[in-house]
């Protein structure tokens, strides 16, 4: 954890989490918690997302399924965009 004083009197804080999950950040000034304490954040690693294989031969009008394994990612926001050969997009998000 690093703190950097800024020219306007504020501070910039940096930390590098090592694992996915929820982190709690407590900030005090003059030994007193600042408003809003504690601050909670979710840490995730999208590089661990995996998608099952999808057929290269999909027929019009036939529902097709695929699975996205997010077990090792953490509580990450997810969006899926499917783009047709003509550029039309279909989006969904978690």
C-alpha atoms as a PDB file:
ATOM      1  CA  UNK A   1       0.000   0.000   0.000  1.00  0.00           C
ATOM      2  CA  UNK A   2       1.345   3.392  -0.985  1.00  0.00           C
ATOM      3  CA  UNK A   3       0.067   6.924  -0.343  1.00  0.00           C
ATOM      4  CA  UNK A   4       1.134   9.906  -2.419  1.00  0.00           C
ATOM      5  CA  UNK A   5       0.383  13.492  -1.353  1.00  0.00           C
ATOM      6  CA  UNK A   6      -1.110  15.649  -4.098  1.00  0.00           C
ATOM      7  CA  UNK A   7      -0.520  19.373  -4.556  1.00  0.00           C
ATOM      8  CA  UNK A   8      -4.139  20.202  -3.593  1.00  0.00           C
ATOM      9  CA  UNK A   9      -3.816  18.515  -0.164  1.00  0.00           C
ATOM     10  CA  UNK A  10      -5.523  15.252  -1.185  1.00  0.00           C
ATOM     11  CA  UNK A  11      -3.796  11.859  -1.305  1.00  0.00           C
ATOM     12  CA  UNK A  12      -3.614   9.180  -3.953  1.00  0.00           C
ATOM     13  CA  UNK A  13      -3.636   5.612  -2.629  1.00  0.00           C
ATOM     14  CA  UNK A  14      -2.366   2.526  -4.481  1.00  0.00           C
ATOM     15  CA  UNK A  15      -2.548  -1.160  -3.658  1.00  0.00           C
ATOM     16  CA  UNK A  16      -2.002  -4.329  -5.664  1.00  0.00           C
ATOM     17  CA  UNK A  17      -4.257  -7.227  -4.580  1.00  0.00           C
ATOM     18  CA  UNK A  18      -2.814 -10.726  -4.885  1.00  0.00           C
ATOM     19  CA  UNK A  19      -6.073 -12.739  -4.800  1.00  0.00           C
ATOM     20  CA  UNK A  20      -9.664 -12.424  -6.001  1.00  0.00           C
ATOM     21  CA  UNK A  21     -12.398 -11.641  -3.505  1.00  0.00           C
ATOM     22  CA  UNK A  22     -13.772  -8.833  -1.406  1.00  0.00           C
ATOM     23  CA  UNK A  23     -11.356  -6.348   0.147  1.00  0.00           C
ATOM     24  CA  UNK A  24     -12.083  -3.909   2.955  1.00  0.00           C
ATOM     25  CA  UNK A  25     -10.331  -0.555   2.994  1.00  0.00           C
ATOM     26  CA  UNK A  26     -10.294   1.413   6.249  1.00  0.00           C
ATOM     27  CA  UNK A  27      -9.113   5.028   6.143  1.00  0.00           C
ATOM     28  CA  UNK A  28      -8.472   7.114   9.243  1.00  0.00           C
ATOM     29  CA  UNK A  29      -7.330  10.694   9.685  1.00  0.00           C
ATOM     30  CA  UNK A  30      -6.030  11.830  13.082  1.00  0.00           C
ATOM     31  CA  UNK A  31      -6.922   8.367  14.422  1.00  0.00           C
ATOM     32  CA  UNK A  32     -10.585   8.847  13.408  1.00  0.00           C
ATOM     33  CA  UNK A  33     -12.362   6.994  10.572  1.00  0.00           C
ATOM     34  CA  UNK A  34     -13.322   9.201   7.635  1.00  0.00           C
ATOM     35  CA  UNK A  35     -16.946   9.282   6.457  1.00  0.00           C
ATOM     36  CA  UNK A  36     -18.021   6.196   4.553  1.00  0.00           C
ATOM     37  CA  UNK A  37     -15.639   3.782   6.317  1.00  0.00           C
ATOM     38  CA  UNK A  38     -15.172   0.940   5.677  1.00  0.00           C
ATOM     39  CA  UNK A  39     -14.945   0.914   1.877  1.00  0.00           C
ATOM     40  CA  UNK A  40     -15.603  -2.479   0.229  1.00  0.00           C
ATOM     41  CA  UNK A  41     -14.471  -3.488  -3.229  1.00  0.00           C
ATOM     42  CA  UNK A  42     -14.462  -6.690  -5.278  1.00  0.00           C
ATOM     43  CA  UNK A  43     -11.232  -7.871  -6.887  1.00  0.00           C
ATOM     44  CA  UNK A  44     -11.476 -10.139  -9.921  1.00  0.00           C
ATOM     45  CA  UNK A  45      -9.182 -11.603 -12.581  1.00  0.00           C
ATOM     46  CA  UNK A  46     -10.874 -11.879 -15.968  1.00  0.00           C
ATOM     47  CA  UNK A  47      -7.864 -13.733 -17.433  1.00  0.00           C
ATOM     48  CA  UNK A  48      -9.223 -16.902 -15.751  1.00  0.00           C
ATOM     49  CA  UNK A  49     -12.555 -16.863 -17.656  1.00  0.00           C
ATOM     50  CA  UNK A  50     -12.968 -19.875 -19.962  1.00  0.00           C
ATOM     51  CA  UNK A  51     -15.530 -20.573 -22.676  1.00  0.00           C
ATOM     52  CA  UNK A  52     -16.613 -24.016 -23.796  1.00  0.00           C
ATOM     53  CA  UNK A  53     -16.190 -24.884 -27.449  1.00  0.00           C
ATOM     54  CA  UNK A  54     -18.754 -23.526 -29.889  1.00  0.00           C
ATOM     55  CA  UNK A  55     -19.615 -25.231 -33.150  1.00  0.00           C
ATOM     56  CA  UNK A  56     -18.299 -23.642 -36.349  1.00  0.00           C
ATOM     57  CA  UNK A  57     -21.445 -24.814 -38.157  1.00  0.00           C
ATOM     58  CA  UNK A  58     -24.466 -23.093 -36.627  1.00  0.00           C
ATOM     59  CA  UNK A  59     -27.831 -23.197 -38.366  1.00  0.00           C
ATOM     60  CA  UNK A  60     -30.299 -20.322 -38.671  1.00  0.00           C
ATOM     61  CA  UNK A  61     -33.265 -20.670 -36.321  1.00  0.00           C
ATOM     62  CA  UNK A  62     -31.608 -23.304 -34.114  1.00  0.00           C
ATOM     63  CA  UNK A  63     -30.738 -22.389 -30.539  1.00  0.00           C
ATOM     64  CA  UNK A  64     -27.059 -22.836 -29.718  1.00  0.00           C
ATOM     65  CA  UNK A  65     -25.508 -22.932 -26.278  1.00  0.00           C
ATOM     66  CA  UNK A  66     -22.107 -22.270 -24.826  1.00  0.00           C
ATOM     67  CA  UNK A  67     -20.833 -22.133 -21.275  1.00  0.00           C
ATOM     68  CA  UNK A  68     -18.608 -19.506 -19.701  1.00  0.00           C
ATOM     69  CA  UNK A  69     -16.683 -20.771 -16.660  1.00  0.00           C
ATOM     70  CA  UNK A  70     -16.221 -17.893 -14.209  1.00  0.00           C
ATOM     71  CA  UNK A  71     -15.314 -20.029 -11.156  1.00  0.00           C
ATOM     72  CA  UNK A  72     -11.765 -18.673 -10.849  1.00  0.00           C
ATOM     73  CA  UNK A  73     -12.586 -15.091 -11.875  1.00  0.00           C
ATOM     74  CA  UNK A  74     -14.322 -13.683  -8.811  1.00  0.00           C
ATOM     75  CA  UNK A  75     -17.430 -11.491  -8.802  1.00  0.00           C
ATOM     76  CA  UNK A  76     -16.769  -9.762 -12.093  1.00  0.00           C
ATOM     77  CA  UNK A  77     -19.198  -7.851 -14.264  1.00  0.00           C
ATOM     78  CA  UNK A  78     -19.739  -9.766 -17.498  1.00  0.00           C
ATOM     79  CA  UNK A  79     -21.038  -8.770 -20.911  1.00  0.00           C
ATOM     80  CA  UNK A  80     -21.388 -10.982 -23.974  1.00  0.00           C
ATOM     81  CA  UNK A  81     -21.576  -9.431 -27.443  1.00  0.00           C
ATOM     82  CA  UNK A  82     -22.334 -11.510 -30.544  1.00  0.00           C
ATOM     83  CA  UNK A  83     -21.625  -9.770 -33.844  1.00  0.00           C
ATOM     84  CA  UNK A  84     -23.028 -11.081 -37.152  1.00  0.00           C
ATOM     85  CA  UNK A  85     -21.132 -11.032 -40.447  1.00  0.00           C
ATOM     86  CA  UNK A  86     -23.120  -7.892 -41.367  1.00  0.00           C
ATOM     87  CA  UNK A  87     -22.093  -6.107 -38.175  1.00  0.00           C
ATOM     88  CA  UNK A  88     -25.374  -6.466 -36.252  1.00  0.00           C
ATOM     89  CA  UNK A  89     -24.758  -6.905 -32.543  1.00  0.00           C
ATOM     90  CA  UNK A  90     -26.636  -8.672 -29.807  1.00  0.00           C
ATOM     91  CA  UNK A  91     -25.541  -7.867 -26.237  1.00  0.00           C
ATOM     92  CA  UNK A  92     -26.306  -9.230 -22.834  1.00  0.00           C
ATOM     93  CA  UNK A  93     -24.770  -8.485 -19.487  1.00  0.00           C
ATOM     94  CA  UNK A  94     -24.758  -9.998 -16.047  1.00  0.00           C
END
